[in-house]
Amino acid sequence: MTILKPSENIASIISLIENAKKYVVIVSPFNELKGWDKLINAINRASRENIDVSYYVREGEGSKGIEELNVTIYEVPLLHAKMFFTEDKALISSGNLTNRPDLNWFMYWTLRRNIKN
């Protein structure tokens, strides 16, 4: 586990998405993606490249700025968790994808797999 510097938060999410091979799960109850073209482009590119992208938001609250995404948005009542993960990496956070990610902490994990020799 690594705690990221606030200046690394969004770049780490973009890197996580760009390096996914099978799937990406984004859980951010509240969203404001306007002006985050690199993030929007990374999500849409993953979807175009047949990466399964699942995006979860809080019901009735999480749709600001995500209309530019070409992925299915799932609304979950009372959602509060914030996490971003792929088949082998994960970011757990106190931060929503809003225009103030520098105020929140992010922890980064590389998920271990059982490898048989």
PDB file of N, CA and C in Angstrom:
ATOM      1  N   MET A   1       0.843  -1.173   0.000  1.00  0.00           N
ATOM      2  CA  MET A   1       0.000   0.000   0.000  1.00  0.00           C
ATOM      3  C   MET A   1       0.889   1.237   0.000  1.00  0.00           C
ATOM      4  N   THR A   2       0.498   2.226  -0.794  1.00  0.00           N
ATOM      5  CA  THR A   2       1.196   3.497  -0.857  1.00  0.00           C
ATOM      6  C   THR A   2       0.177   4.613  -0.729  1.00  0.00           C
ATOM      7  N   ILE A   3       0.432   5.596   0.127  1.00  0.00           N
ATOM      8  CA  ILE A   3      -0.422   6.772   0.200  1.00  0.00           C
ATOM      9  C   ILE A   3       0.153   7.784  -0.787  1.00  0.00           C
ATOM     10  N   LEU A   4      -0.691   8.235  -1.698  1.00  0.00           N
ATOM     11  CA  LEU A   4      -0.247   9.140  -2.757  1.00  0.00           C
ATOM     12  C   LEU A   4      -0.221  10.587  -2.293  1.00  0.00           C
ATOM     13  N   LYS A   5       0.640  11.367  -2.928  1.00  0.00           N
ATOM     14  CA  LYS A   5       0.635  12.813  -2.726  1.00  0.00           C
ATOM     15  C   LYS A   5      -0.606  13.362  -3.427  1.00  0.00           C
ATOM     16  N   PRO A   6      -1.245  14.387  -2.872  1.00  0.00           N
ATOM     17  CA  PRO A   6      -2.449  14.930  -3.511  1.00  0.00           C
ATOM     18  C   PRO A   6      -2.253  15.295  -4.983  1.00  0.00           C
ATOM     19  N   SER A   7      -1.069  15.739  -5.346  1.00  0.00           N
ATOM     20  CA  SER A   7      -0.813  16.117  -6.748  1.00  0.00           C
ATOM     21  C   SER A   7      -0.794  14.907  -7.686  1.00  0.00           C
ATOM     22  N   GLU A   8      -0.744  13.695  -7.135  1.00  0.00           N
ATOM     23  CA  GLU A   8      -0.693  12.473  -7.952  1.00  0.00           C
ATOM     24  C   GLU A   8      -2.050  11.811  -8.138  1.00  0.00           C
ATOM     25  N   ASN A   9      -3.093  12.293  -7.480  1.00  0.00           N
ATOM     26  CA  ASN A   9      -4.382  11.608  -7.444  1.00  0.00           C
ATOM     27  C   ASN A   9      -4.972  11.333  -8.821  1.00  0.00           C
ATOM     28  N   ILE A  10      -5.239  12.365  -9.586  1.00  0.00           N
ATOM     29  CA  ILE A  10      -5.913  12.178 -10.875  1.00  0.00           C
ATOM     30  C   ILE A  10      -4.996  11.475 -11.868  1.00  0.00           C
ATOM     31  N   ALA A  11      -3.717  11.809 -11.877  1.00  0.00           N
ATOM     32  CA  ALA A  11      -2.781  11.122 -12.772  1.00  0.00           C
ATOM     33  C   ALA A  11      -2.748   9.625 -12.472  1.00  0.00           C
ATOM     34  N   SER A  12      -2.877   9.261 -11.200  1.00  0.00           N
ATOM     35  CA  SER A  12      -2.875   7.843 -10.824  1.00  0.00           C
ATOM     36  C   SER A  12      -4.133   7.137 -11.313  1.00  0.00           C
ATOM     37  N   ILE A  13      -5.278   7.803 -11.251  1.00  0.00           N
ATOM     38  CA  ILE A  13      -6.517   7.213 -11.764  1.00  0.00           C
ATOM     39  C   ILE A  13      -6.420   7.034 -13.271  1.00  0.00           C
ATOM     40  N   ILE A  14      -5.921   8.039 -13.970  1.00  0.00           N
ATOM     41  CA  ILE A  14      -5.771   7.946 -15.427  1.00  0.00           C
ATOM     42  C   ILE A  14      -4.826   6.805 -15.784  1.00  0.00           C
ATOM     43  N   SER A  15      -3.700   6.697 -15.095  1.00  0.00           N
ATOM     44  CA  SER A  15      -2.745   5.616 -15.340  1.00  0.00           C
ATOM     45  C   SER A  15      -3.380   4.246 -15.091  1.00  0.00           C
ATOM     46  N   LEU A  16      -4.141   4.139 -14.020  1.00  0.00           N
ATOM     47  CA  LEU A  16      -4.842   2.889 -13.699  1.00  0.00           C
ATOM     48  C   LEU A  16      -5.746   2.486 -14.866  1.00  0.00           C
ATOM     49  N   ILE A  17      -6.521   3.439 -15.381  1.00  0.00           N
ATOM     50  CA  ILE A  17      -7.443   3.178 -16.497  1.00  0.00           C
ATOM     51  C   ILE A  17      -6.663   2.811 -17.756  1.00  0.00           C
ATOM     52  N   GLU A  18      -5.624   3.562 -18.070  1.00  0.00           N
ATOM     53  CA  GLU A  18      -4.853   3.331 -19.298  1.00  0.00           C
ATOM     54  C   GLU A  18      -4.121   1.994 -19.287  1.00  0.00           C
ATOM     55  N   ASN A  19      -3.835   1.447 -18.116  1.00  0.00           N
ATOM     56  CA  ASN A  19      -3.106   0.185 -18.033  1.00  0.00           C
ATOM     57  C   ASN A  19      -3.993  -1.030 -17.801  1.00  0.00           C
ATOM     58  N   ALA A  20      -5.296  -0.822 -17.763  1.00  0.00           N
ATOM     59  CA  ALA A  20      -6.221  -1.943 -17.585  1.00  0.00           C
ATOM     60  C   ALA A  20      -6.184  -2.849 -18.814  1.00  0.00           C
ATOM     61  N   LYS A  21      -6.311  -4.140 -18.568  1.00  0.00           N
ATOM     62  CA  LYS A  21      -6.309  -5.107 -19.664  1.00  0.00           C
ATOM     63  C   LYS A  21      -7.674  -5.755 -19.857  1.00  0.00           C
ATOM     64  N   LYS A  22      -8.447  -5.893 -18.772  1.00  0.00           N
ATOM     65  CA  LYS A  22      -9.744  -6.575 -18.845  1.00  0.00           C
ATOM     66  C   LYS A  22     -10.898  -5.683 -18.406  1.00  0.00           C
ATOM     67  N   TYR A  23     -10.749  -5.041 -17.256  1.00  0.00           N
ATOM     68  CA  TYR A  23     -11.863  -4.250 -16.745  1.00  0.00           C
ATOM     69  C   TYR A  23     -11.379  -3.096 -15.872  1.00  0.00           C
ATOM     70  N   VAL A  24     -12.262  -2.105 -15.746  1.00  0.00           N
ATOM     71  CA  VAL A  24     -12.064  -0.963 -14.863  1.00  0.00           C
ATOM     72  C   VAL A  24     -13.369  -0.756 -14.118  1.00  0.00           C
ATOM     73  N   VAL A  25     -13.277  -0.582 -12.808  1.00  0.00           N
ATOM     74  CA  VAL A  25     -14.443  -0.239 -12.003  1.00  0.00           C
ATOM     75  C   VAL A  25     -14.163   1.120 -11.365  1.00  0.00           C
ATOM     76  N   ILE A  26     -15.084   2.048 -11.590  1.00  0.00           N
ATOM     77  CA  ILE A  26     -14.980   3.393 -11.025  1.00  0.00           C
ATOM     78  C   ILE A  26     -16.174   3.575 -10.101  1.00  0.00           C
ATOM     79  N   VAL A  27     -15.898   3.897  -8.834  1.00  0.00           N
ATOM     80  CA  VAL A  27     -16.954   4.142  -7.861  1.00  0.00           C
ATOM     81  C   VAL A  27     -16.709   5.530  -7.294  1.00  0.00           C
ATOM     82  N   SER A  28     -17.546   6.473  -7.689  1.00  0.00           N
ATOM     83  CA  SER A  28     -17.429   7.849  -7.236  1.00  0.00           C
ATOM     84  C   SER A  28     -18.838   8.412  -7.090  1.00  0.00           C
ATOM     85  N   PRO A  29     -19.346   8.508  -5.864  1.00  0.00           N
ATOM     86  CA  PRO A  29     -20.728   8.940  -5.673  1.00  0.00           C
ATOM     87  C   PRO A  29     -21.046  10.289  -6.317  1.00  0.00           C
ATOM     88  N   PHE A  30     -20.145  11.241  -6.193  1.00  0.00           N
ATOM     89  CA  PHE A  30     -20.364  12.581  -6.728  1.00  0.00           C
ATOM     90  C   PHE A  30     -19.294  12.868  -7.775  1.00  0.00           C
ATOM     91  N   ASN A  31     -19.691  13.487  -8.879  1.00  0.00           N
ATOM     92  CA  ASN A  31     -18.775  13.695 -10.002  1.00  0.00           C
ATOM     93  C   ASN A  31     -18.948  15.076 -10.599  1.00  0.00           C
ATOM     94  N   GLU A  32     -17.831  15.645 -11.013  1.00  0.00           N
ATOM     95  CA  GLU A  32     -17.815  16.880 -11.790  1.00  0.00           C
ATOM     96  C   GLU A  32     -16.611  16.767 -12.713  1.00  0.00           C
ATOM     97  N   LEU A  33     -16.834  16.230 -13.903  1.00  0.00           N
ATOM     98  CA  LEU A  33     -15.734  15.918 -14.815  1.00  0.00           C
ATOM     99  C   LEU A  33     -15.454  17.015 -15.834  1.00  0.00           C
ATOM    100  N   LYS A  34     -16.228  18.066 -15.850  1.00  0.00           N
ATOM    101  CA  LYS A  34     -16.000  19.154 -16.812  1.00  0.00           C
ATOM    102  C   LYS A  34     -14.570  19.663 -16.679  1.00  0.00           C
ATOM    103  N   GLY A  35     -13.872  19.732 -17.811  1.00  0.00           N
ATOM    104  CA  GLY A  35     -12.497  20.224 -17.820  1.00  0.00           C
ATOM    105  C   GLY A  35     -11.445  19.155 -17.588  1.00  0.00           C
ATOM    106  N   TRP A  36     -11.857  17.947 -17.274  1.00  0.00           N
ATOM    107  CA  TRP A  36     -10.908  16.851 -17.070  1.00  0.00           C
ATOM    108  C   TRP A  36     -10.872  15.982 -18.320  1.00  0.00           C
ATOM    109  N   ASP A  37     -10.454  16.591 -19.412  1.00  0.00           N
ATOM    110  CA  ASP A  37     -10.465  15.908 -20.704  1.00  0.00           C
ATOM    111  C   ASP A  37      -9.585  14.661 -20.713  1.00  0.00           C
ATOM    112  N   LYS A  38      -8.430  14.696 -20.039  1.00  0.00           N
ATOM    113  CA  LYS A  38      -7.559  13.514 -20.018  1.00  0.00           C
ATOM    114  C   LYS A  38      -8.245  12.332 -19.350  1.00  0.00           C
ATOM    115  N   LEU A  39      -8.979  12.596 -18.284  1.00  0.00           N
ATOM    116  CA  LEU A  39      -9.705  11.534 -17.586  1.00  0.00           C
ATOM    117  C   LEU A  39     -10.850  11.011 -18.455  1.00  0.00           C
ATOM    118  N   ILE A  40     -11.632  11.911 -19.022  1.00  0.00           N
ATOM    119  CA  ILE A  40     -12.739  11.524 -19.896  1.00  0.00           C
ATOM    120  C   ILE A  40     -12.219  10.713 -21.078  1.00  0.00           C
ATOM    121  N   ASN A  41     -11.145  11.176 -21.694  1.00  0.00           N
ATOM    122  CA  ASN A  41     -10.564  10.467 -22.844  1.00  0.00           C
ATOM    123  C   ASN A  41     -10.050   9.089 -22.458  1.00  0.00           C
ATOM    124  N   ALA A  42      -9.431   8.963 -21.296  1.00  0.00           N
ATOM    125  CA  ALA A  42      -8.922   7.661 -20.847  1.00  0.00           C
ATOM    126  C   ALA A  42     -10.065   6.673 -20.639  1.00  0.00           C
ATOM    127  N   ILE A  43     -11.152   7.133 -20.033  1.00  0.00           N
ATOM    128  CA  ILE A  43     -12.309   6.256 -19.811  1.00  0.00           C
ATOM    129  C   ILE A  43     -12.922   5.833 -21.142  1.00  0.00           C
ATOM    130  N   ASN A  44     -13.137   6.790 -22.036  1.00  0.00           N
ATOM    131  CA  ASN A  44     -13.736   6.463 -23.335  1.00  0.00           C
ATOM    132  C   ASN A  44     -12.830   5.581 -24.185  1.00  0.00           C
ATOM    133  N   ARG A  45     -11.524   5.813 -24.121  1.00  0.00           N
ATOM    134  CA  ARG A  45     -10.570   4.983 -24.871  1.00  0.00           C
ATOM    135  C   ARG A  45     -10.612   3.539 -24.374  1.00  0.00           C
ATOM    136  N   ALA A  46     -10.647   3.363 -23.062  1.00  0.00           N
ATOM    137  CA  ALA A  46     -10.721   2.009 -22.498  1.00  0.00           C
ATOM    138  C   ALA A  46     -11.972   1.303 -23.008  1.00  0.00           C
ATOM    139  N   SER A  47     -13.087   2.001 -23.016  1.00  0.00           N
ATOM    140  CA  SER A  47     -14.338   1.420 -23.493  1.00  0.00           C
ATOM    141  C   SER A  47     -14.245   1.036 -24.971  1.00  0.00           C
ATOM    142  N   ARG A  48     -13.655   1.910 -25.787  1.00  0.00           N
ATOM    143  CA  ARG A  48     -13.480   1.616 -27.224  1.00  0.00           C
ATOM    144  C   ARG A  48     -12.571   0.412 -27.452  1.00  0.00           C
ATOM    145  N   GLU A  49     -11.631   0.197 -26.544  1.00  0.00           N
ATOM    146  CA  GLU A  49     -10.674  -0.908 -26.677  1.00  0.00           C
ATOM    147  C   GLU A  49     -11.189  -2.185 -26.025  1.00  0.00           C
ATOM    148  N   ASN A  50     -12.498  -2.250 -25.821  1.00  0.00           N
ATOM    149  CA  ASN A  50     -13.171  -3.425 -25.264  1.00  0.00           C
ATOM    150  C   ASN A  50     -12.753  -3.771 -23.842  1.00  0.00           C
ATOM    151  N   ILE A  51     -12.338  -2.766 -23.098  1.00  0.00           N
ATOM    152  CA  ILE A  51     -12.139  -2.931 -21.663  1.00  0.00           C
ATOM    153  C   ILE A  51     -13.522  -2.742 -21.042  1.00  0.00           C
ATOM    154  N   ASP A  52     -13.936  -3.642 -20.182  1.00  0.00           N
ATOM    155  CA  ASP A  52     -15.238  -3.536 -19.525  1.00  0.00           C
ATOM    156  C   ASP A  52     -15.161  -2.446 -18.460  1.00  0.00           C
ATOM    157  N   VAL A  53     -15.834  -1.316 -18.701  1.00  0.00           N
ATOM    158  CA  VAL A  53     -15.804  -0.184 -17.779  1.00  0.00           C
ATOM    159  C   VAL A  53     -17.145  -0.094 -17.060  1.00  0.00           C
ATOM    160  N   SER A  54     -17.113  -0.200 -15.737  1.00  0.00           N
ATOM    161  CA  SER A  54     -18.304  -0.053 -14.901  1.00  0.00           C
ATOM    162  C   SER A  54     -18.132   1.214 -14.068  1.00  0.00           C
ATOM    163  N   TYR A  55     -19.104   2.104 -14.129  1.00  0.00           N
ATOM    164  CA  TYR A  55     -19.014   3.392 -13.443  1.00  0.00           C
ATOM    165  C   TYR A  55     -20.216   3.517 -12.508  1.00  0.00           C
ATOM    166  N   TYR A  56     -19.953   3.601 -11.202  1.00  0.00           N
ATOM    167  CA  TYR A  56     -20.998   3.656 -10.184  1.00  0.00           C
ATOM    168  C   TYR A  56     -21.042   5.044  -9.554  1.00  0.00           C
ATOM    169  N   VAL A  57     -22.255   5.606  -9.470  1.00  0.00           N
ATOM    170  CA  VAL A  57     -22.467   6.920  -8.880  1.00  0.00           C
ATOM    171  C   VAL A  57     -23.606   6.834  -7.866  1.00  0.00           C
ATOM    172  N   ARG A  58     -23.725   7.836  -7.062  1.00  0.00           N
ATOM    173  CA  ARG A  58     -24.838   7.882  -6.102  1.00  0.00           C
ATOM    174  C   ARG A  58     -26.118   8.257  -6.842  1.00  0.00           C
ATOM    175  N   GLU A  59     -27.167   7.542  -6.572  1.00  0.00           N
ATOM    176  CA  GLU A  59     -28.452   7.762  -7.241  1.00  0.00           C
ATOM    177  C   GLU A  59     -28.893   9.221  -7.105  1.00  0.00           C
ATOM    178  N   GLY A  60     -29.145   9.843  -8.257  1.00  0.00           N
ATOM    179  CA  GLY A  60     -29.637  11.212  -8.284  1.00  0.00           C
ATOM    180  C   GLY A  60     -28.610  12.291  -8.019  1.00  0.00           C
ATOM    181  N   GLU A  61     -27.369  11.936  -7.768  1.00  0.00           N
ATOM    182  CA  GLU A  61     -26.352  12.925  -7.399  1.00  0.00           C
ATOM    183  C   GLU A  61     -25.108  12.899  -8.264  1.00  0.00           C
ATOM    184  N   GLY A  62     -24.812  11.773  -8.866  1.00  0.00           N
ATOM    185  CA  GLY A  62     -23.490  11.609  -9.441  1.00  0.00           C
ATOM    186  C   GLY A  62     -23.339  11.862 -10.915  1.00  0.00           C
ATOM    187  N   SER A  63     -24.278  12.552 -11.551  1.00  0.00           N
ATOM    188  CA  SER A  63     -24.235  12.603 -13.007  1.00  0.00           C
ATOM    189  C   SER A  63     -23.619  13.857 -13.610  1.00  0.00           C
ATOM    190  N   LYS A  64     -23.130  14.782 -12.838  1.00  0.00           N
ATOM    191  CA  LYS A  64     -22.563  16.010 -13.391  1.00  0.00           C
ATOM    192  C   LYS A  64     -21.285  15.733 -14.173  1.00  0.00           C
ATOM    193  N   GLY A  65     -21.317  16.059 -15.452  1.00  0.00           N
ATOM    194  CA  GLY A  65     -20.124  15.948 -16.271  1.00  0.00           C
ATOM    195  C   GLY A  65     -19.851  14.574 -16.839  1.00  0.00           C
ATOM    196  N   ILE A  66     -20.659  13.572 -16.495  1.00  0.00           N
ATOM    197  CA  ILE A  66     -20.380  12.232 -17.010  1.00  0.00           C
ATOM    198  C   ILE A  66     -21.160  11.918 -18.269  1.00  0.00           C
ATOM    199  N   GLU A  67     -21.921  12.889 -18.761  1.00  0.00           N
ATOM    200  CA  GLU A  67     -22.673  12.650 -19.992  1.00  0.00           C
ATOM    201  C   GLU A  67     -21.761  12.475 -21.209  1.00  0.00           C
ATOM    202  N   GLU A  68     -20.501  12.869 -21.099  1.00  0.00           N
ATOM    203  CA  GLU A  68     -19.552  12.699 -22.201  1.00  0.00           C
ATOM    204  C   GLU A  68     -18.941  11.293 -22.243  1.00  0.00           C
ATOM    205  N   LEU A  69     -19.244  10.480 -21.251  1.00  0.00           N
ATOM    206  CA  LEU A  69     -18.675   9.140 -21.191  1.00  0.00           C
ATOM    207  C   LEU A  69     -19.507   8.164 -22.005  1.00  0.00           C
ATOM    208  N   ASN A  70     -18.825   7.271 -22.689  1.00  0.00           N
ATOM    209  CA  ASN A  70     -19.486   6.231 -23.476  1.00  0.00           C
ATOM    210  C   ASN A  70     -19.446   4.913 -22.722  1.00  0.00           C
ATOM    211  N   VAL A  71     -19.915   4.938 -21.485  1.00  0.00           N
ATOM    212  CA  VAL A  71     -19.954   3.749 -20.640  1.00  0.00           C
ATOM    213  C   VAL A  71     -21.308   3.713 -19.941  1.00  0.00           C
ATOM    214  N   THR A  72     -21.655   2.557 -19.417  1.00  0.00           N
ATOM    215  CA  THR A  72     -22.889   2.436 -18.655  1.00  0.00           C
ATOM    216  C   THR A  72     -22.665   2.983 -17.251  1.00  0.00           C
ATOM    217  N   ILE A  73     -23.586   3.828 -16.828  1.00  0.00           N
ATOM    218  CA  ILE A  73     -23.521   4.410 -15.493  1.00  0.00           C
ATOM    219  C   ILE A  73     -24.536   3.676 -14.620  1.00  0.00           C
ATOM    220  N   TYR A  74     -24.087   3.212 -13.474  1.00  0.00           N
ATOM    221  CA  TYR A  74     -24.960   2.528 -12.515  1.00  0.00           C
ATOM    222  C   TYR A  74     -25.214   3.464 -11.340  1.00  0.00           C
ATOM    223  N   GLU A  75     -26.476   3.700 -11.037  1.00  0.00           N
ATOM    224  CA  GLU A  75     -26.820   4.539  -9.889  1.00  0.00           C
ATOM    225  C   GLU A  75     -27.146   3.655  -8.689  1.00  0.00           C
ATOM    226  N   VAL A  76     -26.537   3.980  -7.553  1.00  0.00           N
ATOM    227  CA  VAL A  76     -26.694   3.190  -6.337  1.00  0.00           C
ATOM    228  C   VAL A  76     -27.215   4.114  -5.231  1.00  0.00           C
ATOM    229  N   PRO A  77     -28.344   3.757  -4.602  1.00  0.00           N
ATOM    230  CA  PRO A  77     -28.855   4.586  -3.509  1.00  0.00           C
ATOM    231  C   PRO A  77     -27.842   4.698  -2.370  1.00  0.00           C
ATOM    232  N   LEU A  78     -27.659   5.911  -1.870  1.00  0.00           N
ATOM    233  CA  LEU A  78     -26.837   6.202  -0.686  1.00  0.00           C
ATOM    234  C   LEU A  78     -25.371   5.783  -0.817  1.00  0.00           C
ATOM    235  N   LEU A  79     -24.883   5.607  -2.020  1.00  0.00           N
ATOM    236  CA  LEU A  79     -23.480   5.220  -2.233  1.00  0.00           C
ATOM    237  C   LEU A  79     -22.555   6.242  -1.591  1.00  0.00           C
ATOM    238  N   HIS A  80     -21.539   5.752  -0.903  1.00  0.00           N
ATOM    239  CA  HIS A  80     -20.573   6.650  -0.270  1.00  0.00           C
ATOM    240  C   HIS A  80     -19.121   6.230  -0.550  1.00  0.00           C
ATOM    241  N   ALA A  81     -18.888   4.984  -0.908  1.00  0.00           N
ATOM    242  CA  ALA A  81     -17.530   4.485  -1.157  1.00  0.00           C
ATOM    243  C   ALA A  81     -16.911   5.191  -2.366  1.00  0.00           C
ATOM    244  N   LYS A  82     -15.585   5.316  -2.339  1.00  0.00           N
ATOM    245  CA  LYS A  82     -14.840   5.862  -3.467  1.00  0.00           C
ATOM    246  C   LYS A  82     -13.681   4.925  -3.742  1.00  0.00           C
ATOM    247  N   MET A  83     -13.708   4.275  -4.899  1.00  0.00           N
ATOM    248  CA  MET A  83     -12.626   3.361  -5.255  1.00  0.00           C
ATOM    249  C   MET A  83     -12.544   3.217  -6.763  1.00  0.00           C
ATOM    250  N   PHE A  84     -11.372   2.838  -7.206  1.00  0.00           N
ATOM    251  CA  PHE A  84     -11.071   2.714  -8.625  1.00  0.00           C
ATOM    252  C   PHE A  84     -10.169   1.498  -8.747  1.00  0.00           C
ATOM    253  N   PHE A  85     -10.582   0.491  -9.539  1.00  0.00           N
ATOM    254  CA  PHE A  85      -9.724  -0.684  -9.620  1.00  0.00           C
ATOM    255  C   PHE A  85      -9.840  -1.389 -10.961  1.00  0.00           C
ATOM    256  N   THR A  86      -8.801  -2.162 -11.233  1.00  0.00           N
ATOM    257  CA  THR A  86      -8.719  -3.003 -12.422  1.00  0.00           C
ATOM    258  C   THR A  86      -8.442  -4.418 -11.940  1.00  0.00           C
ATOM    259  N   GLU A  87      -8.082  -5.279 -12.883  1.00  0.00           N
ATOM    260  CA  GLU A  87      -7.804  -6.667 -12.528  1.00  0.00           C
ATOM    261  C   GLU A  87      -6.571  -6.819 -11.637  1.00  0.00           C
ATOM    262  N   ASP A  88      -5.700  -5.812 -11.577  1.00  0.00           N
ATOM    263  CA  ASP A  88      -4.494  -5.991 -10.772  1.00  0.00           C
ATOM    264  C   ASP A  88      -4.046  -4.787  -9.941  1.00  0.00           C
ATOM    265  N   LYS A  89      -4.803  -3.699  -9.990  1.00  0.00           N
ATOM    266  CA  LYS A  89      -4.436  -2.524  -9.201  1.00  0.00           C
ATOM    267  C   LYS A  89      -5.692  -1.890  -8.617  1.00  0.00           C
ATOM    268  N   ALA A  90      -5.529  -1.176  -7.502  1.00  0.00           N
ATOM    269  CA  ALA A  90      -6.676  -0.522  -6.876  1.00  0.00           C
ATOM    270  C   ALA A  90      -6.257   0.784  -6.212  1.00  0.00           C
ATOM    271  N   LEU A  91      -7.154   1.754  -6.276  1.00  0.00           N
ATOM    272  CA  LEU A  91      -7.032   3.005  -5.544  1.00  0.00           C
ATOM    273  C   LEU A  91      -8.268   3.119  -4.652  1.00  0.00           C
ATOM    274  N   ILE A  92      -8.060   3.335  -3.373  1.00  0.00           N
ATOM    275  CA  ILE A  92      -9.142   3.565  -2.434  1.00  0.00           C
ATOM    276  C   ILE A  92      -8.970   5.006  -1.968  1.00  0.00           C
ATOM    277  N   SER A  93     -10.076   5.734  -1.851  1.00  0.00           N
ATOM    278  CA  SER A  93      -9.951   7.165  -1.647  1.00  0.00           C
ATOM    279  C   SER A  93     -11.032   7.739  -0.751  1.00  0.00           C
ATOM    280  N   SER A  94     -10.761   8.930  -0.244  1.00  0.00           N
ATOM    281  CA  SER A  94     -11.800   9.716   0.409  1.00  0.00           C
ATOM    282  C   SER A  94     -12.382  10.711  -0.588  1.00  0.00           C
ATOM    283  N   GLY A  95     -11.842  10.728  -1.814  1.00  0.00           N
ATOM    284  CA  GLY A  95     -12.210  11.752  -2.780  1.00  0.00           C
ATOM    285  C   GLY A  95     -13.135  11.295  -3.884  1.00  0.00           C
ATOM    286  N   ASN A  96     -14.174  12.078  -4.131  1.00  0.00           N
ATOM    287  CA  ASN A  96     -15.013  11.900  -5.297  1.00  0.00           C
ATOM    288  C   ASN A  96     -14.277  12.480  -6.507  1.00  0.00           C
ATOM    289  N   LEU A  97     -14.765  12.181  -7.701  1.00  0.00           N
ATOM    290  CA  LEU A  97     -14.191  12.769  -8.905  1.00  0.00           C
ATOM    291  C   LEU A  97     -14.836  14.134  -9.139  1.00  0.00           C
ATOM    292  N   THR A  98     -14.411  15.072  -8.308  1.00  0.00           N
ATOM    293  CA  THR A  98     -14.869  16.450  -8.412  1.00  0.00           C
ATOM    294  C   THR A  98     -13.661  17.319  -8.713  1.00  0.00           C
ATOM    295  N   ASN A  99     -13.859  18.587  -8.813  1.00  0.00           N
ATOM    296  CA  ASN A  99     -12.760  19.487  -9.162  1.00  0.00           C
ATOM    297  C   ASN A  99     -11.828  19.791  -8.000  1.00  0.00           C
ATOM    298  N   ARG A 100     -11.959  19.081  -6.885  1.00  0.00           N
ATOM    299  CA  ARG A 100     -11.099  19.320  -5.731  1.00  0.00           C
ATOM    300  C   ARG A 100     -10.417  18.043  -5.235  1.00  0.00           C
ATOM    301  N   PRO A 101      -9.802  17.252  -6.111  1.00  0.00           N
ATOM    302  CA  PRO A 101      -9.216  15.988  -5.661  1.00  0.00           C
ATOM    303  C   PRO A 101      -7.989  16.173  -4.783  1.00  0.00           C
ATOM    304  N   ASP A 102      -7.383  17.353  -4.820  1.00  0.00           N
ATOM    305  CA  ASP A 102      -6.174  17.600  -4.053  1.00  0.00           C
ATOM    306  C   ASP A 102      -6.430  17.701  -2.551  1.00  0.00           C
ATOM    307  N   LEU A 103      -7.705  17.744  -2.156  1.00  0.00           N
ATOM    308  CA  LEU A 103      -8.028  17.852  -0.730  1.00  0.00           C
ATOM    309  C   LEU A 103      -8.234  16.500  -0.071  1.00  0.00           C
ATOM    310  N   ASN A 104      -8.118  15.428  -0.832  1.00  0.00           N
ATOM    311  CA  ASN A 104      -8.452  14.102  -0.333  1.00  0.00           C
ATOM    312  C   ASN A 104      -7.256  13.164  -0.435  1.00  0.00           C
ATOM    313  N   TRP A 105      -7.299  12.112   0.341  1.00  0.00           N
ATOM    314  CA  TRP A 105      -6.234  11.111   0.301  1.00  0.00           C
ATOM    315  C   TRP A 105      -6.601   9.986  -0.652  1.00  0.00           C
ATOM    316  N   PHE A 106      -5.595   9.372  -1.234  1.00  0.00           N
ATOM    317  CA  PHE A 106      -5.738   8.205  -2.094  1.00  0.00           C
ATOM    318  C   PHE A 106      -4.693   7.183  -1.665  1.00  0.00           C
ATOM    319  N   MET A 107      -5.080   5.923  -1.582  1.00  0.00           N
ATOM    320  CA  MET A 107      -4.139   4.838  -1.293  1.00  0.00           C
ATOM    321  C   MET A 107      -4.108   3.917  -2.503  1.00  0.00           C
ATOM    322  N   TYR A 108      -2.928   3.486  -2.871  1.00  0.00           N
ATOM    323  CA  TYR A 108      -2.709   2.680  -4.065  1.00  0.00           C
ATOM    324  C   TYR A 108      -2.249   1.286  -3.667  1.00  0.00           C
ATOM    325  N   TRP A 109      -2.845   0.267  -4.272  1.00  0.00           N
ATOM    326  CA  TRP A 109      -2.454  -1.122  -4.034  1.00  0.00           C
ATOM    327  C   TRP A 109      -2.176  -1.819  -5.357  1.00  0.00           C
ATOM    328  N   THR A 110      -1.172  -2.661  -5.358  1.00  0.00           N
ATOM    329  CA  THR A 110      -1.007  -3.642  -6.421  1.00  0.00           C
ATOM    330  C   THR A 110      -1.529  -4.943  -5.854  1.00  0.00           C
ATOM    331  N   LEU A 111      -2.499  -5.512  -6.520  1.00  0.00           N
ATOM    332  CA  LEU A 111      -3.133  -6.730  -6.024  1.00  0.00           C
ATOM    333  C   LEU A 111      -2.264  -7.925  -6.355  1.00  0.00           C
ATOM    334  N   ARG A 112      -2.063  -8.773  -5.389  1.00  0.00           N
ATOM    335  CA  ARG A 112      -1.213  -9.951  -5.586  1.00  0.00           C
ATOM    336  C   ARG A 112      -2.050 -11.094  -6.128  1.00  0.00           C
ATOM    337  N   ARG A 113      -1.432 -11.893  -6.951  1.00  0.00           N
ATOM    338  CA  ARG A 113      -2.084 -13.083  -7.486  1.00  0.00           C
ATOM    339  C   ARG A 113      -1.314 -14.309  -7.045  1.00  0.00           C
ATOM    340  N   ASN A 114      -2.029 -15.389  -6.868  1.00  0.00           N
ATOM    341  CA  ASN A 114      -1.359 -16.656  -6.591  1.00  0.00           C
ATOM    342  C   ASN A 114      -0.812 -17.193  -7.904  1.00  0.00           C
ATOM    343  N   ILE A 115       0.488 -17.306  -7.974  1.00  0.00           N
ATOM    344  CA  ILE A 115       1.125 -17.797  -9.187  1.00  0.00           C
ATOM    345  C   ILE A 115       1.724 -19.161  -8.902  1.00  0.00           C
ATOM    346  N   LYS A 116       1.328 -20.136  -9.677  1.00  0.00           N
ATOM    347  CA  LYS A 116       1.853 -21.496  -9.508  1.00  0.00           C
ATOM    348  C   LYS A 116       3.029 -21.691 -10.455  1.00  0.00           C
ATOM    349  N   ASN A 117       4.080 -22.290  -9.937  1.00  0.00           N
ATOM    350  CA  ASN A 117       5.268 -22.561 -10.770  1.00  0.00           C
ATOM    351  C   ASN A 117       5.075 -23.784 -11.619  1.00  0.00           C
TER     352      ASN A 117
END
